Amino acid sequence: MTILVTGATGRVGRQVVQQLVKRGADVRVLVRDISKADFPAIVEVVQGELLDIDALRKAFAGVNTLFLLNAVSGDEFTQALITLNIARESGVERVVYLSVIHSDRFVNVPHFAVKSGAERMIEQMGFSATILRPAYFIDNELMIKDVIFNHGVYPMPIGAKGIAMVDARDIAEVAAVELVRRDQAPGKLPIEIINLVGPDTLTGSDVAAIWSDVLGRPIAYGGDDPTGFEQNLANIMPKWMAYEMRLMAERYVADGMLPGAGDVERLTGILGRPLHSYRNFATELAASV
């Protein structure tokens, strides 16, 4: 049966499609911008978005399994709920949902609360689902590489409690494994929650030290200042989103983003290989510039 991938042109979704194609799955993608749909010819493309009911119904026709990824936006919750309702209406029973780690705890952060609500809907609607809860994306660092490389500062206020940063490649591969497992299962599987983490739990000072080592020159940690972080972000994104990022940073500083017992071992078992580390990412990025 066909697997529908939403968010397919993003950094995770695109790699999910690649991993599914590699595994011989029948893949369909729903994309807003058709010009970005540069997928292998065997991937079916439907143009539309998650609030376009007609496009959703078209995209879900003949689909067995859904990968639901919807990005942070002002209407993220509505997108998720509408998509899940149309999925159920279309006869889809199997879902892999990209949530976020600690979605049930960091409920003052809007997109964490949104994902917690979507998780509850998935459970109460009786889907056969895997809930993937990734920690901080290592790939977020691409947005701040110029500050690191040109100003010698690691500016993300991630605190001293520790963050279990995860590589998008690992997220995508686990998602593909779970999508295929759900899709090929002869019957309904129970809901499972998988934390997606990296092999190391790092503080702001730890990350700065890695960059210092990789670049061969001092890189300072910018400190634990979510307020200043919000002010800087407000210059490049809507103020509501900058404020939301501040709320998330405050939870980084106060609570960290820590893995659960056995998370790393579980992921290593699923993938059959070691997880990508932050140092790997930093080394690869430094070599590419």
C-alpha atoms as a PDB file:
ATOM      1  CA  MET A   1       0.000   0.000   0.000  1.00  0.00           C
ATOM      2  CA  THR A   2       0.946   3.633  -0.426  1.00  0.00           C
ATOM      3  CA  ILE A   3       2.626   5.707   2.282  1.00  0.00           C
ATOM      4  CA  LEU A   4       1.774   9.430   2.286  1.00  0.00           C
ATOM      5  CA  VAL A   5       4.504  11.804   3.466  1.00  0.00           C
ATOM      6  CA  THR A   6       3.665  15.358   4.509  1.00  0.00           C
ATOM      7  CA  GLY A   7       6.356  17.983   5.009  1.00  0.00           C
ATOM      8  CA  ALA A   8       8.230  16.159   2.258  1.00  0.00           C
ATOM      9  CA  THR A   9      10.348  19.059   0.997  1.00  0.00           C
ATOM     10  CA  GLY A  10      11.793  19.888   4.420  1.00  0.00           C
ATOM     11  CA  ARG A  11      15.058  18.708   5.917  1.00  0.00           C
ATOM     12  CA  VAL A  12      13.501  15.685   7.638  1.00  0.00           C
ATOM     13  CA  GLY A  13      10.674  14.899   5.233  1.00  0.00           C
ATOM     14  CA  ARG A  14      12.910  14.819   2.185  1.00  0.00           C
ATOM     15  CA  GLN A  15      15.180  12.273   3.867  1.00  0.00           C
ATOM     16  CA  VAL A  16      12.165  10.215   4.958  1.00  0.00           C
ATOM     17  CA  VAL A  17      11.142   9.983   1.294  1.00  0.00           C
ATOM     18  CA  GLN A  18      14.672   8.920   0.325  1.00  0.00           C
ATOM     19  CA  GLN A  19      14.735   6.248   3.013  1.00  0.00           C
ATOM     20  CA  LEU A  20      11.326   4.913   1.972  1.00  0.00           C
ATOM     21  CA  VAL A  21      12.307   4.756  -1.695  1.00  0.00           C
ATOM     22  CA  LYS A  22      15.482   2.928  -0.680  1.00  0.00           C
ATOM     23  CA  ARG A  23      13.287   0.363   1.073  1.00  0.00           C
ATOM     24  CA  GLY A  24      11.066  -0.148  -1.977  1.00  0.00           C
ATOM     25  CA  ALA A  25       7.949   1.502  -0.540  1.00  0.00           C
ATOM     26  CA  ASP A  26       5.218   3.083  -2.656  1.00  0.00           C
ATOM     27  CA  VAL A  27       5.475   6.759  -1.721  1.00  0.00           C
ATOM     28  CA  ARG A  28       3.190   9.721  -2.296  1.00  0.00           C
ATOM     29  CA  VAL A  29       4.014  13.245  -1.130  1.00  0.00           C
ATOM     30  CA  LEU A  30       1.822  16.253  -0.442  1.00  0.00           C
ATOM     31  CA  VAL A  31       3.699  19.466  -1.253  1.00  0.00           C
ATOM     32  CA  ARG A  32       2.706  23.109  -1.275  1.00  0.00           C
ATOM     33  CA  ASP A  33       5.342  24.218  -3.797  1.00  0.00           C
ATOM     34  CA  ILE A  34       5.544  21.868  -6.752  1.00  0.00           C
ATOM     35  CA  SER A  35       8.854  23.418  -7.853  1.00  0.00           C
ATOM     36  CA  LYS A  36      10.519  21.878  -4.793  1.00  0.00           C
ATOM     37  CA  ALA A  37       9.224  18.381  -5.526  1.00  0.00           C
ATOM     38  CA  ASP A  38      12.435  17.099  -7.110  1.00  0.00           C
ATOM     39  CA  PHE A  39      11.907  13.488  -6.066  1.00  0.00           C
ATOM     40  CA  PRO A  40      12.641  10.253  -7.927  1.00  0.00           C
ATOM     41  CA  ALA A  41      10.145   9.577 -10.707  1.00  0.00           C
ATOM     42  CA  ILE A  42       8.563   6.706  -8.760  1.00  0.00           C
ATOM     43  CA  VAL A  43       7.381   9.136  -6.054  1.00  0.00           C
ATOM     44  CA  GLU A  44       3.843  10.374  -6.695  1.00  0.00           C
ATOM     45  CA  VAL A  45       3.347  14.090  -6.073  1.00  0.00           C
ATOM     46  CA  VAL A  46       0.106  15.790  -5.025  1.00  0.00           C
ATOM     47  CA  GLN A  47       0.062  19.566  -4.779  1.00  0.00           C
ATOM     48  CA  GLY A  48      -1.708  21.067  -1.797  1.00  0.00           C
ATOM     49  CA  GLU A  49      -1.420  21.866   1.882  1.00  0.00           C
ATOM     50  CA  LEU A  50      -2.801  20.576   5.151  1.00  0.00           C
ATOM     51  CA  LEU A  51      -5.752  22.973   5.232  1.00  0.00           C
ATOM     52  CA  ASP A  52      -6.735  22.256   1.614  1.00  0.00           C
ATOM     53  CA  ILE A  53      -9.509  19.700   2.132  1.00  0.00           C
ATOM     54  CA  ASP A  54      -9.841  18.735  -1.543  1.00  0.00           C
ATOM     55  CA  ALA A  55      -6.086  18.219  -1.882  1.00  0.00           C
ATOM     56  CA  LEU A  56      -6.013  16.180   1.323  1.00  0.00           C
ATOM     57  CA  ARG A  57      -8.783  13.900   0.128  1.00  0.00           C
ATOM     58  CA  LYS A  58      -6.993  13.424  -3.173  1.00  0.00           C
ATOM     59  CA  ALA A  59      -3.686  12.746  -1.412  1.00  0.00           C
ATOM     60  CA  PHE A  60      -5.244  10.155   0.923  1.00  0.00           C
ATOM     61  CA  ALA A  61      -6.997   8.139  -1.780  1.00  0.00           C
ATOM     62  CA  GLY A  62      -5.587   4.602  -1.640  1.00  0.00           C
ATOM     63  CA  VAL A  63      -3.194   5.430   1.197  1.00  0.00           C
ATOM     64  CA  ASN A  64      -2.596   2.950   3.980  1.00  0.00           C
ATOM     65  CA  THR A  65      -0.048   4.753   6.160  1.00  0.00           C
ATOM     66  CA  LEU A  66       0.617   8.430   6.965  1.00  0.00           C
ATOM     67  CA  PHE A  67       3.783  10.226   7.991  1.00  0.00           C
ATOM     68  CA  LEU A  68       2.510  13.408   9.615  1.00  0.00           C
ATOM     69  CA  LEU A  69       4.999  16.224   9.898  1.00  0.00           C
ATOM     70  CA  ASN A  70       3.676  19.750  10.156  1.00  0.00           C
ATOM     71  CA  ALA A  71       5.946  22.627  10.960  1.00  0.00           C
ATOM     72  CA  VAL A  72       5.635  25.290  13.643  1.00  0.00           C
ATOM     73  CA  SER A  73       3.050  27.830  12.499  1.00  0.00           C
ATOM     74  CA  GLY A  74       0.171  29.844  13.885  1.00  0.00           C
ATOM     75  CA  ASP A  75      -2.309  27.225  12.695  1.00  0.00           C
ATOM     76  CA  GLU A  76      -0.211  24.116  13.368  1.00  0.00           C
ATOM     77  CA  PHE A  77      -2.819  22.519  15.630  1.00  0.00           C
ATOM     78  CA  THR A  78      -5.633  23.017  13.123  1.00  0.00           C
ATOM     79  CA  GLN A  79      -3.452  21.517  10.396  1.00  0.00           C
ATOM     80  CA  ALA A  80      -2.776  18.423  12.484  1.00  0.00           C
ATOM     81  CA  LEU A  81      -6.396  17.904  13.533  1.00  0.00           C
ATOM     82  CA  ILE A  82      -7.820  18.406  10.046  1.00  0.00           C
ATOM     83  CA  THR A  83      -5.242  16.051   8.539  1.00  0.00           C
ATOM     84  CA  LEU A  84      -5.929  13.333  11.089  1.00  0.00           C
ATOM     85  CA  ASN A  85      -9.671  13.655  10.576  1.00  0.00           C
ATOM     86  CA  ILE A  86      -9.356  13.398   6.796  1.00  0.00           C
ATOM     87  CA  ALA A  87      -7.000  10.441   7.245  1.00  0.00           C
ATOM     88  CA  ARG A  88      -9.567   8.626   9.375  1.00  0.00           C
ATOM     89  CA  GLU A  89     -12.364   9.566   6.957  1.00  0.00           C
ATOM     90  CA  SER A  90     -10.263   8.112   4.119  1.00  0.00           C
ATOM     91  CA  GLY A  91      -9.734   4.802   5.886  1.00  0.00           C
ATOM     92  CA  VAL A  92      -6.142   5.354   6.984  1.00  0.00           C
ATOM     93  CA  GLU A  93      -5.386   3.454  10.174  1.00  0.00           C
ATOM     94  CA  ARG A  94      -1.596   3.642  10.462  1.00  0.00           C
ATOM     95  CA  VAL A  95       0.326   6.777  11.399  1.00  0.00           C
ATOM     96  CA  VAL A  96       3.852   7.824  12.252  1.00  0.00           C
ATOM     97  CA  TYR A  97       3.686  11.281  13.841  1.00  0.00           C
ATOM     98  CA  LEU A  98       6.660  13.582  14.350  1.00  0.00           C
ATOM     99  CA  SER A  99       6.092  15.126  17.764  1.00  0.00           C
ATOM    100  CA  VAL A 100       8.730  16.488  20.167  1.00  0.00           C
ATOM    101  CA  ILE A 101      10.444  15.164  23.267  1.00  0.00           C
ATOM    102  CA  HIS A 102       8.850  16.286  26.560  1.00  0.00           C
ATOM    103  CA  SER A 103       5.673  17.312  24.718  1.00  0.00           C
ATOM    104  CA  ASP A 104       3.752  16.246  27.806  1.00  0.00           C
ATOM    105  CA  ARG A 105       5.890  18.383  30.122  1.00  0.00           C
ATOM    106  CA  PHE A 106       6.830  21.591  28.308  1.00  0.00           C
ATOM    107  CA  VAL A 107       3.181  22.524  27.824  1.00  0.00           C
ATOM    108  CA  ASN A 108       3.723  26.288  28.160  1.00  0.00           C
ATOM    109  CA  VAL A 109       5.629  26.192  24.854  1.00  0.00           C
ATOM    110  CA  PRO A 110       2.912  26.456  22.179  1.00  0.00           C
ATOM    111  CA  HIS A 111       4.244  23.966  19.634  1.00  0.00           C
ATOM    112  CA  PHE A 112       4.956  21.438  22.388  1.00  0.00           C
ATOM    113  CA  ALA A 113       1.364  21.790  23.601  1.00  0.00           C
ATOM    114  CA  VAL A 114       0.128  21.434  20.025  1.00  0.00           C
ATOM    115  CA  LYS A 115       1.998  18.184  19.572  1.00  0.00           C
ATOM    116  CA  SER A 116       0.782  16.890  22.910  1.00  0.00           C
ATOM    117  CA  GLY A 117      -2.782  17.567  21.780  1.00  0.00           C
ATOM    118  CA  ALA A 118      -2.222  15.829  18.449  1.00  0.00           C
ATOM    119  CA  GLU A 119      -0.780  12.826  20.293  1.00  0.00           C
ATOM    120  CA  ARG A 120      -3.939  12.610  22.396  1.00  0.00           C
ATOM    121  CA  MET A 121      -6.100  12.783  19.288  1.00  0.00           C
ATOM    122  CA  ILE A 122      -4.119   9.976  17.647  1.00  0.00           C
ATOM    123  CA  GLU A 123      -4.597   7.826  20.750  1.00  0.00           C
ATOM    124  CA  GLN A 124      -8.295   8.568  21.176  1.00  0.00           C
ATOM    125  CA  MET A 125      -9.118   8.044  17.483  1.00  0.00           C
ATOM    126  CA  GLY A 126      -7.659   4.552  17.661  1.00  0.00           C
ATOM    127  CA  PHE A 127      -4.873   4.871  15.116  1.00  0.00           C
ATOM    128  CA  SER A 128      -2.126   2.269  14.981  1.00  0.00           C
ATOM    129  CA  ALA A 129       0.656   4.765  15.555  1.00  0.00           C
ATOM    130  CA  THR A 130       4.257   5.419  16.348  1.00  0.00           C
ATOM    131  CA  ILE A 131       4.834   8.741  18.079  1.00  0.00           C
ATOM    132  CA  LEU A 132       8.349   9.983  17.380  1.00  0.00           C
ATOM    133  CA  ARG A 133       9.597  12.528  19.912  1.00  0.00           C
ATOM    134  CA  PRO A 134      12.834  14.122  18.698  1.00  0.00           C
ATOM    135  CA  ALA A 135      15.012  16.289  20.897  1.00  0.00           C
ATOM    136  CA  TYR A 136      16.755  19.414  19.604  1.00  0.00           C
ATOM    137  CA  PHE A 137      17.712  19.051  15.936  1.00  0.00           C
ATOM    138  CA  ILE A 138      21.462  19.241  15.381  1.00  0.00           C
ATOM    139  CA  ASP A 139      20.624  20.661  11.958  1.00  0.00           C
ATOM    140  CA  ASN A 140      19.271  23.819  13.635  1.00  0.00           C
ATOM    141  CA  GLU A 141      22.896  24.845  13.822  1.00  0.00           C
ATOM    142  CA  LEU A 142      22.909  25.563  10.088  1.00  0.00           C
ATOM    143  CA  MET A 143      20.960  28.728  10.918  1.00  0.00           C
ATOM    144  CA  ILE A 144      23.715  30.000  13.224  1.00  0.00           C
ATOM    145  CA  LYS A 145      26.841  28.748  11.482  1.00  0.00           C
ATOM    146  CA  ASP A 146      27.853  32.278  10.407  1.00  0.00           C
ATOM    147  CA  VAL A 147      27.819  33.438  14.035  1.00  0.00           C
ATOM    148  CA  ILE A 148      29.983  30.483  15.036  1.00  0.00           C
ATOM    149  CA  PHE A 149      32.422  30.738  12.138  1.00  0.00           C
ATOM    150  CA  ASN A 150      32.635  34.528  11.759  1.00  0.00           C
ATOM    151  CA  HIS A 151      32.121  35.807  15.298  1.00  0.00           C
ATOM    152  CA  GLY A 152      33.511  32.990  17.427  1.00  0.00           C
ATOM    153  CA  VAL A 153      30.366  32.545  19.501  1.00  0.00           C
ATOM    154  CA  TYR A 154      27.943  29.677  19.939  1.00  0.00           C
ATOM    155  CA  PRO A 155      24.766  31.728  20.447  1.00  0.00           C
ATOM    156  CA  MET A 156      22.038  29.182  21.264  1.00  0.00           C
ATOM    157  CA  PRO A 157      21.017  29.488  24.955  1.00  0.00           C
ATOM    158  CA  ILE A 158      20.766  25.771  25.669  1.00  0.00           C
ATOM    159  CA  GLY A 159      21.895  25.950  29.274  1.00  0.00           C
ATOM    160  CA  ALA A 160      23.884  23.700  31.587  1.00  0.00           C
ATOM    161  CA  LYS A 161      21.403  20.879  32.210  1.00  0.00           C
ATOM    162  CA  GLY A 162      22.135  19.162  28.888  1.00  0.00           C
ATOM    163  CA  ILE A 163      20.423  18.683  25.524  1.00  0.00           C
ATOM    164  CA  ALA A 164      20.280  15.315  23.724  1.00  0.00           C
ATOM    165  CA  MET A 165      20.761  16.735  20.214  1.00  0.00           C
ATOM    166  CA  VAL A 166      19.688  14.465  17.348  1.00  0.00           C
ATOM    167  CA  ASP A 167      20.719  14.387  13.684  1.00  0.00           C
ATOM    168  CA  ALA A 168      17.970  14.716  11.056  1.00  0.00           C
ATOM    169  CA  ARG A 169      19.387  11.673   9.273  1.00  0.00           C
ATOM    170  CA  ASP A 170      18.685   9.528  12.311  1.00  0.00           C
ATOM    171  CA  ILE A 171      15.193  10.989  12.694  1.00  0.00           C
ATOM    172  CA  ALA A 172      14.368  10.248   9.064  1.00  0.00           C
ATOM    173  CA  GLU A 173      15.719   6.708   9.098  1.00  0.00           C
ATOM    174  CA  VAL A 174      13.852   5.736  12.266  1.00  0.00           C
ATOM    175  CA  ALA A 175      10.702   7.264  10.757  1.00  0.00           C
ATOM    176  CA  ALA A 176      11.132   5.205   7.582  1.00  0.00           C
ATOM    177  CA  VAL A 177      11.735   1.999   9.553  1.00  0.00           C
ATOM    178  CA  GLU A 178       8.562   2.594  11.552  1.00  0.00           C
ATOM    179  CA  LEU A 179       6.501   3.555   8.495  1.00  0.00           C
ATOM    180  CA  VAL A 180       7.453   0.364   6.701  1.00  0.00           C
ATOM    181  CA  ARG A 181       6.872  -1.719   9.821  1.00  0.00           C
ATOM    182  CA  ARG A 182       3.420  -0.235  10.341  1.00  0.00           C
ATOM    183  CA  ASP A 183       2.550  -0.415   6.640  1.00  0.00           C
ATOM    184  CA  GLN A 184       3.511  -4.069   6.281  1.00  0.00           C
ATOM    185  CA  ALA A 185       2.047  -5.312   9.553  1.00  0.00           C
ATOM    186  CA  PRO A 186      -0.719  -7.882   8.990  1.00  0.00           C
ATOM    187  CA  GLY A 187      -2.866  -6.288  11.669  1.00  0.00           C
ATOM    188  CA  LYS A 188      -3.154  -3.362  14.039  1.00  0.00           C
ATOM    189  CA  LEU A 189      -0.077  -2.689  16.160  1.00  0.00           C
ATOM    190  CA  PRO A 190      -0.207  -0.938  19.547  1.00  0.00           C
ATOM    191  CA  ILE A 191       0.816   2.701  19.903  1.00  0.00           C
ATOM    192  CA  GLU A 192       4.507   3.184  20.641  1.00  0.00           C
ATOM    193  CA  ILE A 193       6.414   6.285  21.700  1.00  0.00           C
ATOM    194  CA  ILE A 194      10.067   6.583  20.675  1.00  0.00           C
ATOM    195  CA  ASN A 195      12.343   9.347  21.925  1.00  0.00           C
ATOM    196  CA  LEU A 196      14.772  10.420  19.212  1.00  0.00           C
ATOM    197  CA  VAL A 197      18.032  11.573  20.760  1.00  0.00           C
ATOM    198  CA  GLY A 198      21.708  11.779  19.963  1.00  0.00           C
ATOM    199  CA  PRO A 199      24.503   9.733  21.518  1.00  0.00           C
ATOM    200  CA  ASP A 200      25.632  12.621  23.746  1.00  0.00           C
ATOM    201  CA  THR A 201      23.867  15.009  26.110  1.00  0.00           C
ATOM    202  CA  LEU A 202      25.551  18.398  25.698  1.00  0.00           C
ATOM    203  CA  THR A 203      25.533  21.727  27.515  1.00  0.00           C
ATOM    204  CA  GLY A 204      26.174  25.104  25.915  1.00  0.00           C
ATOM    205  CA  SER A 205      29.752  25.011  27.137  1.00  0.00           C
ATOM    206  CA  ASP A 206      30.183  21.475  25.781  1.00  0.00           C
ATOM    207  CA  VAL A 207      29.049  22.544  22.317  1.00  0.00           C
ATOM    208  CA  ALA A 208      31.333  25.582  22.335  1.00  0.00           C
ATOM    209  CA  ALA A 209      34.231  23.315  23.297  1.00  0.00           C
ATOM    210  CA  ILE A 210      33.463  20.967  20.395  1.00  0.00           C
ATOM    211  CA  TRP A 211      33.487  23.884  17.956  1.00  0.00           C
ATOM    212  CA  SER A 212      36.744  25.185  19.466  1.00  0.00           C
ATOM    213  CA  ASP A 213      38.328  21.790  18.924  1.00  0.00           C
ATOM    214  CA  VAL A 214      36.959  21.319  15.400  1.00  0.00           C
ATOM    215  CA  LEU A 215      37.864  24.825  14.209  1.00  0.00           C
ATOM    216  CA  GLY A 216      41.153  25.033  16.071  1.00  0.00           C
ATOM    217  CA  ARG A 217      40.360  28.384  17.674  1.00  0.00           C
ATOM    218  CA  PRO A 218      38.367  29.561  20.693  1.00  0.00           C
ATOM    219  CA  ILE A 219      34.588  29.551  20.353  1.00  0.00           C
ATOM    220  CA  ALA A 220      32.765  31.067  23.327  1.00  0.00           C
ATOM    221  CA  TYR A 221      29.364  30.086  24.650  1.00  0.00           C
ATOM    222  CA  GLY A 222      27.014  33.065  24.395  1.00  0.00           C
ATOM    223  CA  GLY A 223      25.371  32.321  27.724  1.00  0.00           C
ATOM    224  CA  ASP A 224      21.912  31.558  29.071  1.00  0.00           C
ATOM    225  CA  ASP A 225      19.911  34.572  27.899  1.00  0.00           C
ATOM    226  CA  PRO A 226      16.539  33.605  26.387  1.00  0.00           C
ATOM    227  CA  THR A 227      15.435  37.266  26.437  1.00  0.00           C
ATOM    228  CA  GLY A 228      18.306  38.373  24.224  1.00  0.00           C
ATOM    229  CA  PHE A 229      17.694  35.312  22.049  1.00  0.00           C
ATOM    230  CA  GLU A 230      14.103  36.442  21.504  1.00  0.00           C
ATOM    231  CA  GLN A 231      15.192  39.963  20.622  1.00  0.00           C
ATOM    232  CA  ASN A 232      17.634  38.695  18.001  1.00  0.00           C
ATOM    233  CA  LEU A 233      15.116  36.304  16.479  1.00  0.00           C
ATOM    234  CA  ALA A 234      12.461  39.017  16.272  1.00  0.00           C
ATOM    235  CA  ASN A 235      14.591  40.631  13.559  1.00  0.00           C
ATOM    236  CA  ILE A 236      14.262  37.608  11.264  1.00  0.00           C
ATOM    237  CA  MET A 237      10.900  36.001  12.098  1.00  0.00           C
ATOM    238  CA  PRO A 238       7.423  36.980  13.330  1.00  0.00           C
ATOM    239  CA  LYS A 239       7.465  38.250  16.895  1.00  0.00           C
ATOM    240  CA  TRP A 240       5.055  35.568  18.089  1.00  0.00           C
ATOM    241  CA  MET A 241       7.438  32.902  16.835  1.00  0.00           C
ATOM    242  CA  ALA A 242      10.466  34.615  18.377  1.00  0.00           C
ATOM    243  CA  TYR A 243       8.609  34.689  21.693  1.00  0.00           C
ATOM    244  CA  GLU A 244       7.777  31.002  21.361  1.00  0.00           C
ATOM    245  CA  MET A 245      11.449  30.214  20.734  1.00  0.00           C
ATOM    246  CA  ARG A 246      12.281  32.156  23.892  1.00  0.00           C
ATOM    247  CA  LEU A 247       9.822  30.046  25.886  1.00  0.00           C
ATOM    248  CA  MET A 248      11.486  26.921  24.527  1.00  0.00           C
ATOM    249  CA  ALA A 249      14.958  28.242  25.393  1.00  0.00           C
ATOM    250  CA  GLU A 250      13.794  28.977  28.924  1.00  0.00           C
ATOM    251  CA  ARG A 251      12.874  25.307  29.285  1.00  0.00           C
ATOM    252  CA  TYR A 252      16.274  24.296  27.901  1.00  0.00           C
ATOM    253  CA  VAL A 253      17.940  26.395  30.581  1.00  0.00           C
ATOM    254  CA  ALA A 254      15.635  25.378  33.431  1.00  0.00           C
ATOM    255  CA  ASP A 255      15.112  21.707  32.638  1.00  0.00           C
ATOM    256  CA  GLY A 256      17.390  20.608  29.818  1.00  0.00           C
ATOM    257  CA  MET A 257      16.189  18.185  27.148  1.00  0.00           C
ATOM    258  CA  LEU A 258      17.336  14.876  28.536  1.00  0.00           C
ATOM    259  CA  PRO A 259      17.022  11.364  27.112  1.00  0.00           C
ATOM    260  CA  GLY A 260      15.254   8.617  28.968  1.00  0.00           C
ATOM    261  CA  ALA A 261      16.960   5.485  30.226  1.00  0.00           C
ATOM    262  CA  GLY A 262      17.739   3.206  27.319  1.00  0.00           C
ATOM    263  CA  ASP A 263      16.850   5.685  24.560  1.00  0.00           C
ATOM    264  CA  VAL A 264      20.266   5.578  22.871  1.00  0.00           C
ATOM    265  CA  GLU A 265      20.439   1.800  23.024  1.00  0.00           C
ATOM    266  CA  ARG A 266      16.924   1.476  21.607  1.00  0.00           C
ATOM    267  CA  LEU A 267      17.701   3.715  18.643  1.00  0.00           C
ATOM    268  CA  THR A 268      20.988   1.970  17.973  1.00  0.00           C
ATOM    269  CA  GLY A 269      19.089  -1.313  17.896  1.00  0.00           C
ATOM    270  CA  ILE A 270      16.469   0.036  15.474  1.00  0.00           C
ATOM    271  CA  LEU A 271      19.077   1.444  13.089  1.00  0.00           C
ATOM    272  CA  GLY A 272      21.694  -1.269  13.487  1.00  0.00           C
ATOM    273  CA  ARG A 273      24.438   1.358  13.652  1.00  0.00           C
ATOM    274  CA  PRO A 274      25.747   4.119  15.931  1.00  0.00           C
ATOM    275  CA  LEU A 275      23.887   7.422  16.040  1.00  0.00           C
ATOM    276  CA  HIS A 276      25.354  10.507  14.378  1.00  0.00           C
ATOM    277  CA  SER A 277      27.075  12.686  16.955  1.00  0.00           C
ATOM    278  CA  TYR A 278      27.284  16.453  17.259  1.00  0.00           C
ATOM    279  CA  ARG A 279      31.033  16.266  16.713  1.00  0.00           C
ATOM    280  CA  ASN A 280      30.440  14.377  13.446  1.00  0.00           C
ATOM    281  CA  PHE A 281      28.072  17.143  12.319  1.00  0.00           C
ATOM    282  CA  ALA A 282      30.476  19.937  13.309  1.00  0.00           C
ATOM    283  CA  THR A 283      33.380  18.248  11.540  1.00  0.00           C
ATOM    284  CA  GLU A 284      31.353  17.734   8.353  1.00  0.00           C
ATOM    285  CA  LEU A 285      30.056  21.306   8.378  1.00  0.00           C
ATOM    286  CA  ALA A 286      33.518  22.777   8.969  1.00  0.00           C
ATOM    287  CA  ALA A 287      34.890  20.748   6.062  1.00  0.00           C
ATOM    288  CA  SER A 288      32.142  22.002   3.740  1.00  0.00           C
ATOM    289  CA  VAL A 289      32.751  25.738   4.124  1.00  0.00           C
END
